[in-house]
PDB file of N, CA and C in Angstrom:
ATOM      1  N   UNK A   1     283.212 296.338 120.168  1.00  0.00           N
ATOM      2  CA  UNK A   1     284.136 295.546 119.703  1.00  0.00           C
ATOM      3  C   UNK A   1     283.147 293.850 119.286  1.00  0.00           C
ATOM      4  N   UNK A   2     284.591 293.681 117.714  1.00  0.00           N
ATOM      5  CA  UNK A   2     284.002 292.779 117.002  1.00  0.00           C
ATOM      6  C   UNK A   2     283.992 291.342 117.780  1.00  0.00           C
ATOM      7  N   UNK A   3     283.284 290.307 117.260  1.00  0.00           N
ATOM      8  CA  UNK A   3     283.081 288.876 117.843  1.00  0.00           C
ATOM      9  C   UNK A   3     284.235 288.218 117.207  1.00  0.00           C
ATOM     10  N   UNK A   4     284.902 287.304 117.951  1.00  0.00           N
ATOM     11  CA  UNK A   4     286.042 286.114 116.924  1.00  0.00           C
ATOM     12  C   UNK A   4     285.192 285.580 116.568  1.00  0.00           C
ATOM     13  N   UNK A   5     285.818 285.056 115.091  1.00  0.00           N
ATOM     14  CA  UNK A   5     284.374 284.044 114.376  1.00  0.00           C
ATOM     15  C   UNK A   5     285.257 282.828 114.303  1.00  0.00           C
ATOM     16  N   UNK A   6     284.883 281.890 115.307  1.00  0.00           N
ATOM     17  CA  UNK A   6     285.100 280.310 115.303  1.00  0.00           C
ATOM     18  C   UNK A   6     285.704 279.375 114.159  1.00  0.00           C
ATOM     19  N   UNK A   7     284.383 279.499 113.116  1.00  0.00           N
ATOM     20  CA  UNK A   7     283.229 277.995 112.418  1.00  0.00           C
ATOM     21  C   UNK A   7     285.100 278.717 111.357  1.00  0.00           C
ATOM     22  N   UNK A   8     284.944 277.575 110.311  1.00  0.00           N
ATOM     23  CA  UNK A   8     286.060 278.083 108.824  1.00  0.00           C
ATOM     24  C   UNK A   8     285.502 278.811 107.758  1.00  0.00           C
ATOM     25  N   UNK A   9     284.488 278.083 108.018  1.00  0.00           N
ATOM     26  CA  UNK A   9     284.076 278.343 106.844  1.00  0.00           C
ATOM     27  C   UNK A   9     282.995 279.677 106.992  1.00  0.00           C
ATOM     28  N   UNK A  10     283.122 280.516 108.523  1.00  0.00           N
ATOM     29  CA  UNK A  10     282.724 282.062 108.180  1.00  0.00           C
ATOM     30  C   UNK A  10     283.752 283.062 108.394  1.00  0.00           C
ATOM     31  N   UNK A  11     284.938 282.311 108.241  1.00  0.00           N
ATOM     32  CA  UNK A  11     285.529 282.946 108.475  1.00  0.00           C
ATOM     33  C   UNK A  11     286.029 284.120 107.430  1.00  0.00           C
ATOM     34  N   UNK A  12     286.221 283.969 105.815  1.00  0.00           N
ATOM     35  CA  UNK A  12     286.458 284.631 104.749  1.00  0.00           C
ATOM     36  C   UNK A  12     284.731 285.878 105.012  1.00  0.00           C
ATOM     37  N   UNK A  13     284.158 285.813 104.750  1.00  0.00           N
ATOM     38  CA  UNK A  13     282.919 286.369 105.005  1.00  0.00           C
ATOM     39  C   UNK A  13     283.113 287.356 105.635  1.00  0.00           C
ATOM     40  N   UNK A  14     282.804 286.852 106.942  1.00  0.00           N
ATOM     41  CA  UNK A  14     283.560 287.900 108.226  1.00  0.00           C
ATOM     42  C   UNK A  14     284.295 288.754 108.011  1.00  0.00           C
ATOM     43  N   UNK A  15     285.743 288.045 107.815  1.00  0.00           N
ATOM     44  CA  UNK A  15     286.667 289.700 107.377  1.00  0.00           C
ATOM     45  C   UNK A  15     286.255 290.275 106.316  1.00  0.00           C
ATOM     46  N   UNK A  16     285.742 289.997 104.857  1.00  0.00           N
ATOM     47  CA  UNK A  16     284.856 290.874 104.007  1.00  0.00           C
ATOM     48  C   UNK A  16     284.515 291.839 105.058  1.00  0.00           C
ATOM     49  N   UNK A  17     283.381 291.843 105.477  1.00  0.00           N
ATOM     50  CA  UNK A  17     282.631 292.647 106.334  1.00  0.00           C
ATOM     51  C   UNK A  17     283.439 293.924 107.280  1.00  0.00           C
ATOM     52  N   UNK A  18     284.827 292.661 108.076  1.00  0.00           N
ATOM     53  CA  UNK A  18     285.665 293.349 108.655  1.00  0.00           C
ATOM     54  C   UNK A  18     286.519 294.973 108.262  1.00  0.00           C
ATOM     55  N   UNK A  19     287.015 294.447 106.658  1.00  0.00           N
ATOM     56  CA  UNK A  19     288.161 294.927 105.532  1.00  0.00           C
ATOM     57  C   UNK A  19     286.622 296.144 105.289  1.00  0.00           C
ATOM     58  N   UNK A  20     285.762 295.658 104.340  1.00  0.00           N
ATOM     59  CA  UNK A  20     285.064 297.153 104.389  1.00  0.00           C
ATOM     60  C   UNK A  20     284.196 297.540 105.012  1.00  0.00           C
ATOM     61  N   UNK A  21     284.817 297.553 106.257  1.00  0.00           N
ATOM     62  CA  UNK A  21     284.211 298.410 107.687  1.00  0.00           C
ATOM     63  C   UNK A  21     284.894 299.623 107.752  1.00  0.00           C
ATOM     64  N   UNK A  22     286.208 299.319 107.651  1.00  0.00           N
ATOM     65  CA  UNK A  22     287.887 299.548 107.496  1.00  0.00           C
ATOM     66  C   UNK A  22     287.756 300.237 106.553  1.00  0.00           C
ATOM     67  N   UNK A  23     287.936 300.201 105.383  1.00  0.00           N
ATOM     68  CA  UNK A  23     287.770 301.165 104.122  1.00  0.00           C
ATOM     69  C   UNK A  23     287.139 302.593 104.118  1.00  0.00           C
ATOM     70  N   UNK A  24     285.736 302.772 105.156  1.00  0.00           N
ATOM     71  CA  UNK A  24     284.565 303.245 104.935  1.00  0.00           C
ATOM     72  C   UNK A  24     284.339 304.297 106.593  1.00  0.00           C
ATOM     73  N   UNK A  25     285.470 303.229 107.032  1.00  0.00           N
ATOM     74  CA  UNK A  25     285.833 304.052 108.418  1.00  0.00           C
ATOM     75  C   UNK A  25     287.204 305.541 108.736  1.00  0.00           C
ATOM     76  N   UNK A  26     287.612 305.728 107.303  1.00  0.00           N
ATOM     77  CA  UNK A  26     288.702 306.291 106.806  1.00  0.00           C
ATOM     78  C   UNK A  26     290.031 306.440 108.052  1.00  0.00           C
ATOM     79  N   UNK A  27     289.842 305.375 108.743  1.00  0.00           N
ATOM     80  CA  UNK A  27     291.221 305.227 110.175  1.00  0.00           C
ATOM     81  C   UNK A  27     291.949 304.394 109.274  1.00  0.00           C
ATOM     82  N   UNK A  28     293.147 304.845 109.766  1.00  0.00           N
ATOM     83  CA  UNK A  28     294.802 303.809 109.723  1.00  0.00           C
ATOM     84  C   UNK A  28     294.248 302.911 109.863  1.00  0.00           C
ATOM     85  N   UNK A  29     294.323 301.638 109.616  1.00  0.00           N
ATOM     86  CA  UNK A  29     294.657 300.723 109.793  1.00  0.00           C
ATOM     87  C   UNK A  29     295.317 300.447 111.138  1.00  0.00           C
ATOM     88  N   UNK A  30     296.838 300.369 111.960  1.00  0.00           N
ATOM     89  CA  UNK A  30     296.574 301.018 113.488  1.00  0.00           C
ATOM     90  C   UNK A  30     294.834 300.948 114.726  1.00  0.00           C
ATOM     91  N   UNK A  31     294.985 302.427 114.210  1.00  0.00           N
ATOM     92  CA  UNK A  31     293.363 302.429 114.732  1.00  0.00           C
ATOM     93  C   UNK A  31     292.359 301.561 114.648  1.00  0.00           C
ATOM     94  N   UNK A  32     292.575 301.662 113.205  1.00  0.00           N
ATOM     95  CA  UNK A  32     291.026 300.779 112.898  1.00  0.00           C
ATOM     96  C   UNK A  32     290.960 299.228 113.710  1.00  0.00           C
ATOM     97  N   UNK A  33     292.289 299.062 114.063  1.00  0.00           N
ATOM     98  CA  UNK A  33     291.639 297.057 114.797  1.00  0.00           C
ATOM     99  C   UNK A  33     292.361 298.180 116.181  1.00  0.00           C
ATOM    100  N   UNK A  34     292.928 298.551 116.369  1.00  0.00           N
ATOM    101  CA  UNK A  34     293.574 299.471 118.295  1.00  0.00           C
ATOM    102  C   UNK A  34     291.467 299.140 118.518  1.00  0.00           C
ATOM    103  N   UNK A  35     290.815 300.315 117.608  1.00  0.00           N
ATOM    104  CA  UNK A  35     289.380 300.178 118.120  1.00  0.00           C
ATOM    105  C   UNK A  35     288.223 299.366 117.619  1.00  0.00           C
ATOM    106  N   UNK A  36     288.344 297.991 116.657  1.00  0.00           N
ATOM    107  CA  UNK A  36     287.590 296.763 116.804  1.00  0.00           C
ATOM    108  C   UNK A  36     288.527 295.753 117.561  1.00  0.00           C
ATOM    109  N   UNK A  37     289.345 295.994 118.319  1.00  0.00           N
ATOM    110  CA  UNK A  37     289.600 295.092 119.245  1.00  0.00           C
ATOM    111  C   UNK A  37     290.220 293.648 118.158  1.00  0.00           C
ATOM    112  N   UNK A  38     290.885 294.125 117.055  1.00  0.00           N
ATOM    113  CA  UNK A  38     291.993 293.216 116.199  1.00  0.00           C
ATOM    114  C   UNK A  38     292.978 293.064 116.259  1.00  0.00           C
ATOM    115  N   UNK A  39     293.560 292.279 115.472  1.00  0.00           N
ATOM    116  CA  UNK A  39     295.486 292.108 115.929  1.00  0.00           C
ATOM    117  C   UNK A  39     296.054 292.460 114.874  1.00  0.00           C
ATOM    118  N   UNK A  40     296.346 293.278 113.919  1.00  0.00           N
ATOM    119  CA  UNK A  40     297.047 293.802 113.144  1.00  0.00           C
ATOM    120  C   UNK A  40     297.272 293.340 112.549  1.00  0.00           C
ATOM    121  N   UNK A  41     298.242 292.410 112.459  1.00  0.00           N
ATOM    122  CA  UNK A  41     298.804 291.256 111.768  1.00  0.00           C
ATOM    123  C   UNK A  41     297.946 290.233 110.882  1.00  0.00           C
ATOM    124  N   UNK A  42     296.811 289.882 111.789  1.00  0.00           N
ATOM    125  CA  UNK A  42     295.016 288.664 111.197  1.00  0.00           C
ATOM    126  C   UNK A  42     294.828 289.883 109.959  1.00  0.00           C
ATOM    127  N   UNK A  43     294.706 290.565 110.898  1.00  0.00           N
ATOM    128  CA  UNK A  43     294.055 291.510 110.077  1.00  0.00           C
ATOM    129  C   UNK A  43     294.848 292.500 108.014  1.00  0.00           C
ATOM    130  N   UNK A  44     296.167 292.584 108.714  1.00  0.00           N
ATOM    131  CA  UNK A  44     296.551 292.708 107.419  1.00  0.00           C
ATOM    132  C   UNK A  44     296.964 291.533 106.113  1.00  0.00           C
ATOM    133  N   UNK A  45     297.025 290.442 107.275  1.00  0.00           N
ATOM    134  CA  UNK A  45     297.114 289.236 106.345  1.00  0.00           C
ATOM    135  C   UNK A  45     295.760 288.972 105.852  1.00  0.00           C
ATOM    136  N   UNK A  46     294.463 288.975 106.144  1.00  0.00           N
ATOM    137  CA  UNK A  46     293.026 288.872 105.851  1.00  0.00           C
ATOM    138  C   UNK A  46     293.011 289.777 104.444  1.00  0.00           C
ATOM    139  N   UNK A  47     293.023 291.216 104.484  1.00  0.00           N
ATOM    140  CA  UNK A  47     293.396 292.195 103.121  1.00  0.00           C
ATOM    141  C   UNK A  47     293.706 291.846 102.006  1.00  0.00           C
ATOM    142  N   UNK A  48     295.389 291.023 102.254  1.00  0.00           N
ATOM    143  CA  UNK A  48     296.307 290.642 101.499  1.00  0.00           C
ATOM    144  C   UNK A  48     295.913 288.928 100.714  1.00  0.00           C
ATOM    145  N   UNK A  49     294.775 288.009 101.340  1.00  0.00           N
ATOM    146  CA  UNK A  49     294.455 287.632 101.105  1.00  0.00           C
ATOM    147  C   UNK A  49     293.069 287.241 100.734  1.00  0.00           C
ATOM    148  N   UNK A  50     291.771 287.989 100.685  1.00  0.00           N
ATOM    149  CA  UNK A  50     291.367 288.475 100.297  1.00  0.00           C
ATOM    150  C   UNK A  50     291.864 289.508  99.070  1.00  0.00           C
ATOM    151  N   UNK A  51     292.516 290.178  98.803  1.00  0.00           N
ATOM    152  CA  UNK A  51     292.929 290.491  97.725  1.00  0.00           C
ATOM    153  C   UNK A  51     293.525 289.613  96.858  1.00  0.00           C
ATOM    154  N   UNK A  52     294.080 288.204  97.389  1.00  0.00           N
ATOM    155  CA  UNK A  52     294.333 287.709  96.416  1.00  0.00           C
ATOM    156  C   UNK A  52     293.113 286.636  95.799  1.00  0.00           C
ATOM    157  N   UNK A  53     292.230 286.622  96.785  1.00  0.00           N
ATOM    158  CA  UNK A  53     291.177 285.691  96.584  1.00  0.00           C
ATOM    159  C   UNK A  53     290.430 286.095  94.980  1.00  0.00           C
ATOM    160  N   UNK A  54     289.918 287.661  95.555  1.00  0.00           N
ATOM    161  CA  UNK A  54     290.163 288.162  93.961  1.00  0.00           C
ATOM    162  C   UNK A  54     290.092 288.702  92.787  1.00  0.00           C
ATOM    163  N   UNK A  55     291.757 288.028  92.747  1.00  0.00           N
ATOM    164  CA  UNK A  55     291.844 288.890  91.812  1.00  0.00           C
ATOM    165  C   UNK A  55     291.545 287.561  90.715  1.00  0.00           C
ATOM    166  N   UNK A  56     291.939 287.590  89.618  1.00  0.00           N
ATOM    167  CA  UNK A  56     291.127 287.096  87.440  1.00  0.00           C
ATOM    168  C   UNK A  56     291.540 285.740  88.058  1.00  0.00           C
ATOM    169  N   UNK A  57     291.360 285.212  88.282  1.00  0.00           N
ATOM    170  CA  UNK A  57     291.846 283.413  87.508  1.00  0.00           C
ATOM    171  C   UNK A  57     292.211 283.114  86.044  1.00  0.00           C
ATOM    172  N   UNK A  58     292.697 282.536  85.001  1.00  0.00           N
ATOM    173  CA  UNK A  58     293.458 282.708  84.361  1.00  0.00           C
ATOM    174  C   UNK A  58     292.360 281.299  83.801  1.00  0.00           C
ATOM    175  N   UNK A  59     291.685 281.810  82.530  1.00  0.00           N
ATOM    176  CA  UNK A  59     291.104 281.004  81.824  1.00  0.00           C
ATOM    177  C   UNK A  59     291.706 280.108  81.402  1.00  0.00           C
ATOM    178  N   UNK A  60     291.277 278.799  80.931  1.00  0.00           N
ATOM    179  CA  UNK A  60     291.590 277.761  79.787  1.00  0.00           C
ATOM    180  C   UNK A  60     290.749 276.918  79.002  1.00  0.00           C
ATOM    181  N   UNK A  61     290.939 277.537  77.699  1.00  0.00           N
ATOM    182  CA  UNK A  61     289.757 276.848  77.220  1.00  0.00           C
ATOM    183  C   UNK A  61     290.000 275.769  76.395  1.00  0.00           C
ATOM    184  N   UNK A  62     288.964 274.854  75.922  1.00  0.00           N
ATOM    185  CA  UNK A  62     289.001 273.709  75.056  1.00  0.00           C
ATOM    186  C   UNK A  62     290.538 274.099  73.608  1.00  0.00           C
ATOM    187  N   UNK A  63     291.193 273.264  73.249  1.00  0.00           N
ATOM    188  CA  UNK A  63     291.444 273.446  72.305  1.00  0.00           C
ATOM    189  C   UNK A  63     291.485 271.250  71.639  1.00  0.00           C
ATOM    190  N   UNK A  64     291.363 271.975  70.079  1.00  0.00           N
ATOM    191  CA  UNK A  64     291.141 270.478  69.438  1.00  0.00           C
ATOM    192  C   UNK A  64     291.755 271.061  68.241  1.00  0.00           C
ATOM    193  N   UNK A  65     292.910 269.642  68.343  1.00  0.00           N
ATOM    194  CA  UNK A  65     293.963 269.239  66.920  1.00  0.00           C
ATOM    195  C   UNK A  65     293.297 268.930  66.103  1.00  0.00           C
ATOM    196  N   UNK A  66     293.448 269.311  64.739  1.00  0.00           N
ATOM    197  CA  UNK A  66     293.148 269.194  63.216  1.00  0.00           C
ATOM    198  C   UNK A  66     294.476 269.017  61.839  1.00  0.00           C
ATOM    199  N   UNK A  67     293.808 268.306  61.112  1.00  0.00           N
ATOM    200  CA  UNK A  67     294.657 268.209  60.422  1.00  0.00           C
ATOM    201  C   UNK A  67     295.095 269.412  59.518  1.00  0.00           C
ATOM    202  N   UNK A  68     296.512 269.963  59.621  1.00  0.00           N
ATOM    203  CA  UNK A  68     296.611 271.240  58.271  1.00  0.00           C
ATOM    204  C   UNK A  68     295.779 270.627  56.495  1.00  0.00           C
ATOM    205  N   UNK A  69     295.292 271.915  56.767  1.00  0.00           N
ATOM    206  CA  UNK A  69     294.160 271.708  55.305  1.00  0.00           C
ATOM    207  C   UNK A  69     295.666 272.166  54.439  1.00  0.00           C
ATOM    208  N   UNK A  70     296.782 273.066  54.826  1.00  0.00           N
ATOM    209  CA  UNK A  70     297.576 273.522  54.416  1.00  0.00           C
ATOM    210  C   UNK A  70     298.667 272.077  53.140  1.00  0.00           C
ATOM    211  N   UNK A  71     298.723 271.369  54.082  1.00  0.00           N
ATOM    212  CA  UNK A  71     299.689 270.431  53.380  1.00  0.00           C
ATOM    213  C   UNK A  71     299.203 269.654  52.221  1.00  0.00           C
ATOM    214  N   UNK A  72     300.239 269.772  51.852  1.00  0.00           N
ATOM    215  CA  UNK A  72     300.621 269.614  50.312  1.00  0.00           C
ATOM    216  C   UNK A  72     299.266 267.106  50.396  1.00  0.00           C
ATOM    217  N   UNK A  73     298.382 267.710  49.533  1.00  0.00           N
ATOM    218  CA  UNK A  73     297.639 266.718  49.409  1.00  0.00           C
ATOM    219  C   UNK A  73     298.694 265.309  48.792  1.00  0.00           C
ATOM    220  N   UNK A  74     300.106 265.117  48.957  1.00  0.00           N
ATOM    221  CA  UNK A  74     299.921 264.060  48.345  1.00  0.00           C
ATOM    222  C   UNK A  74     300.597 263.780  50.595  1.00  0.00           C
ATOM    223  N   UNK A  75     301.097 264.227  51.165  1.00  0.00           N
ATOM    224  CA  UNK A  75     301.403 264.711  51.877  1.00  0.00           C
ATOM    225  C   UNK A  75     302.780 263.494  52.337  1.00  0.00           C
ATOM    226  N   UNK A  76     303.992 264.415  53.535  1.00  0.00           N
ATOM    227  CA  UNK A  76     304.613 263.439  53.512  1.00  0.00           C
ATOM    228  C   UNK A  76     305.838 264.891  53.308  1.00  0.00           C
ATOM    229  N   UNK A  77     305.648 265.445  53.370  1.00  0.00           N
ATOM    230  CA  UNK A  77     306.318 267.152  53.009  1.00  0.00           C
ATOM    231  C   UNK A  77     306.793 267.512  54.727  1.00  0.00           C
ATOM    232  N   UNK A  78     308.714 268.260  54.095  1.00  0.00           N
ATOM    233  CA  UNK A  78     308.443 268.387  55.238  1.00  0.00           C
ATOM    234  C   UNK A  78     309.445 269.835  55.171  1.00  0.00           C
ATOM    235  N   UNK A  79     309.155 270.120  56.401  1.00  0.00           N
ATOM    236  CA  UNK A  79     309.722 272.363  56.046  1.00  0.00           C
ATOM    237  C   UNK A  79     311.565 272.445  57.379  1.00  0.00           C
ATOM    238  N   UNK A  80     312.483 272.901  56.845  1.00  0.00           N
ATOM    239  CA  UNK A  80     313.736 273.024  56.809  1.00  0.00           C
ATOM    240  C   UNK A  80     313.975 274.533  57.096  1.00  0.00           C
ATOM    241  N   UNK A  81     313.642 274.593  58.441  1.00  0.00           N
ATOM    242  CA  UNK A  81     314.617 276.009  59.155  1.00  0.00           C
ATOM    243  C   UNK A  81     315.586 275.987  59.315  1.00  0.00           C
ATOM    244  N   UNK A  82     316.776 276.958  58.630  1.00  0.00           N
ATOM    245  CA  UNK A  82     317.798 276.683  58.497  1.00  0.00           C
ATOM    246  C   UNK A  82     318.631 277.266  59.847  1.00  0.00           C
ATOM    247  N   UNK A  83     319.785 277.388  60.094  1.00  0.00           N
ATOM    248  CA  UNK A  83     320.685 277.978  61.133  1.00  0.00           C
ATOM    249  C   UNK A  83     320.364 279.853  60.946  1.00  0.00           C
ATOM    250  N   UNK A  84     320.573 280.186  59.744  1.00  0.00           N
ATOM    251  CA  UNK A  84     320.283 281.801  59.457  1.00  0.00           C
ATOM    252  C   UNK A  84     318.410 282.190  59.701  1.00  0.00           C
ATOM    253  N   UNK A  85     318.400 281.527  60.205  1.00  0.00           N
ATOM    254  CA  UNK A  85     316.634 282.056  59.870  1.00  0.00           C
ATOM    255  C   UNK A  85     315.876 281.923  58.276  1.00  0.00           C
ATOM    256  N   UNK A  86     316.247 281.024  56.855  1.00  0.00           N
ATOM    257  CA  UNK A  86     315.420 280.966  56.363  1.00  0.00           C
ATOM    258  C   UNK A  86     314.988 279.557  56.400  1.00  0.00           C
ATOM    259  N   UNK A  87     313.900 279.285  55.280  1.00  0.00           N
ATOM    260  CA  UNK A  87     313.455 277.744  55.424  1.00  0.00           C
ATOM    261  C   UNK A  87     312.422 277.944  54.337  1.00  0.00           C
ATOM    262  N   UNK A  88     313.216 276.346  54.381  1.00  0.00           N
ATOM    263  CA  UNK A  88     312.485 275.309  53.098  1.00  0.00           C
ATOM    264  C   UNK A  88     311.382 274.794  52.868  1.00  0.00           C
ATOM    265  N   UNK A  89     311.063 274.525  52.346  1.00  0.00           N
ATOM    266  CA  UNK A  89     309.477 274.046  52.522  1.00  0.00           C
ATOM    267  C   UNK A  89     310.035 273.130  51.158  1.00  0.00           C
ATOM    268  N   UNK A  90     309.533 271.580  51.374  1.00  0.00           N
ATOM    269  CA  UNK A  90     310.543 270.687  50.620  1.00  0.00           C
ATOM    270  C   UNK A  90     308.579 269.107  50.367  1.00  0.00           C
ATOM    271  N   UNK A  91     308.044 269.333  49.029  1.00  0.00           N
ATOM    272  CA  UNK A  91     306.746 268.700  49.070  1.00  0.00           C
ATOM    273  C   UNK A  91     307.582 266.606  48.721  1.00  0.00           C
ATOM    274  N   UNK A  92     307.296 266.215  48.916  1.00  0.00           N
ATOM    275  CA  UNK A  92     307.073 264.380  48.568  1.00  0.00           C
ATOM    276  C   UNK A  92     307.590 264.765  47.531  1.00  0.00           C
ATOM    277  N   UNK A  93     308.815 262.737  47.521  1.00  0.00           N
ATOM    278  CA  UNK A  93     309.494 263.020  46.220  1.00  0.00           C
ATOM    279  C   UNK A  93     310.021 263.731  45.247  1.00  0.00           C
ATOM    280  N   UNK A  94     310.868 264.427  46.461  1.00  0.00           N
ATOM    281  CA  UNK A  94     311.836 265.471  46.192  1.00  0.00           C
ATOM    282  C   UNK A  94     313.176 265.272  45.039  1.00  0.00           C
ATOM    283  N   UNK A  95     314.306 265.258  44.650  1.00  0.00           N
ATOM    284  CA  UNK A  95     315.657 264.886  44.234  1.00  0.00           C
ATOM    285  C   UNK A  95     316.473 265.579  45.734  1.00  0.00           C
ATOM    286  N   UNK A  96     317.442 264.426  46.051  1.00  0.00           N
ATOM    287  CA  UNK A  96     318.318 265.020  47.104  1.00  0.00           C
ATOM    288  C   UNK A  96     318.821 265.421  46.936  1.00  0.00           C
ATOM    289  N   UNK A  97     319.482 265.352  45.653  1.00  0.00           N
ATOM    290  CA  UNK A  97     320.593 266.194  45.610  1.00  0.00           C
ATOM    291  C   UNK A  97     320.972 267.717  45.146  1.00  0.00           C
ATOM    292  N   UNK A  98     319.486 267.723  44.415  1.00  0.00           N
ATOM    293  CA  UNK A  98     318.834 268.749  44.169  1.00  0.00           C
ATOM    294  C   UNK A  98     318.696 269.785  45.854  1.00  0.00           C
ATOM    295  N   UNK A  99     317.568 269.035  46.904  1.00  0.00           N
ATOM    296  CA  UNK A  99     317.916 269.205  47.461  1.00  0.00           C
ATOM    297  C   UNK A  99     319.122 270.438  48.341  1.00  0.00           C
ATOM    298  N   UNK A 100     319.896 269.031  48.570  1.00  0.00           N
ATOM    299  CA  UNK A 100     321.540 269.516  48.964  1.00  0.00           C
ATOM    300  C   UNK A 100     321.524 270.899  48.376  1.00  0.00           C
ATOM    301  N   UNK A 101     321.547 271.069  46.783  1.00  0.00           N
ATOM    302  CA  UNK A 101     322.513 272.413  46.865  1.00  0.00           C
ATOM    303  C   UNK A 101     321.504 273.446  46.707  1.00  0.00           C
ATOM    304  N   UNK A 102     320.986 273.617  46.580  1.00  0.00           N
ATOM    305  CA  UNK A 102     319.199 274.738  46.993  1.00  0.00           C
ATOM    306  C   UNK A 102     319.771 274.586  48.642  1.00  0.00           C
ATOM    307  N   UNK A 103     319.511 273.705  49.533  1.00  0.00           N
ATOM    308  CA  UNK A 103     319.751 274.681  51.042  1.00  0.00           C
ATOM    309  C   UNK A 103     321.862 274.697  51.414  1.00  0.00           C
ATOM    310  N   UNK A 104     322.271 274.631  50.404  1.00  0.00           N
ATOM    311  CA  UNK A 104     323.929 275.605  50.082  1.00  0.00           C
ATOM    312  C   UNK A 104     323.536 276.552  49.598  1.00  0.00           C
ATOM    313  N   UNK A 105     322.441 276.086  48.762  1.00  0.00           N
ATOM    314  CA  UNK A 105     322.499 278.221  48.500  1.00  0.00           C
ATOM    315  C   UNK A 105     322.040 279.209  49.127  1.00  0.00           C
ATOM    316  N   UNK A 106     320.821 278.832  50.198  1.00  0.00           N
ATOM    317  CA  UNK A 106     320.131 279.506  50.849  1.00  0.00           C
ATOM    318  C   UNK A 106     321.150 279.451  52.205  1.00  0.00           C
ATOM    319  N   UNK A 107     321.590 278.495  52.610  1.00  0.00           N
ATOM    320  CA  UNK A 107     322.839 279.239  53.535  1.00  0.00           C
ATOM    321  C   UNK A 107     323.588 280.224  53.455  1.00  0.00           C
ATOM    322  N   UNK A 108     323.996 280.621  52.437  1.00  0.00           N
ATOM    323  CA  UNK A 108     325.231 281.333  51.759  1.00  0.00           C
ATOM    324  C   UNK A 108     324.263 283.118  50.949  1.00  0.00           C
ATOM    325  N   UNK A 109     323.010 282.765  51.067  1.00  0.00           N
ATOM    326  CA  UNK A 109     322.348 284.015  50.787  1.00  0.00           C
ATOM    327  C   UNK A 109     321.013 283.863  50.219  1.00  0.00           C
ATOM    328  N   UNK A 110     320.809 284.772  49.132  1.00  0.00           N
ATOM    329  CA  UNK A 110     319.121 284.141  49.042  1.00  0.00           C
ATOM    330  C   UNK A 110     318.027 284.727  49.260  1.00  0.00           C
ATOM    331  N   UNK A 111     316.966 284.236  49.388  1.00  0.00           N
ATOM    332  CA  UNK A 111     315.833 284.806  50.489  1.00  0.00           C
ATOM    333  C   UNK A 111     315.844 284.876  50.956  1.00  0.00           C
ATOM    334  N   UNK A 112     314.929 284.906  52.720  1.00  0.00           N
ATOM    335  CA  UNK A 112     313.991 283.706  53.720  1.00  0.00           C
ATOM    336  C   UNK A 112     312.606 284.046  53.000  1.00  0.00           C
ATOM    337  N   UNK A 113     311.978 283.479  53.609  1.00  0.00           N
ATOM    338  CA  UNK A 113     310.620 282.630  53.342  1.00  0.00           C
ATOM    339  C   UNK A 113     310.215 283.626  54.378  1.00  0.00           C
TER     340      UNK A 113
END
């Protein structure tokens, strides 16, 4: 019969050994727990907990934001995405009247980018 583990820090290694013994035993959980004198609910809890702890942890990578080198050298450009999915890239110094005409044409039909 297995001895109960009192120290908190010893619980995980203890239950890893118990679960390994169960896997090697070939017994069903209820039979194994009876044989070892273990509480079945506690065994199931630790089997689940160890599986959860062994799952891969998501990796976080450092990110560095840099200026967009593809932007217009004069800066101040904008990109307009229209409701129909078409987009329009406009550099600084544009003529507002011409832009309104181009947007109207793109809303009607034309090409997507």
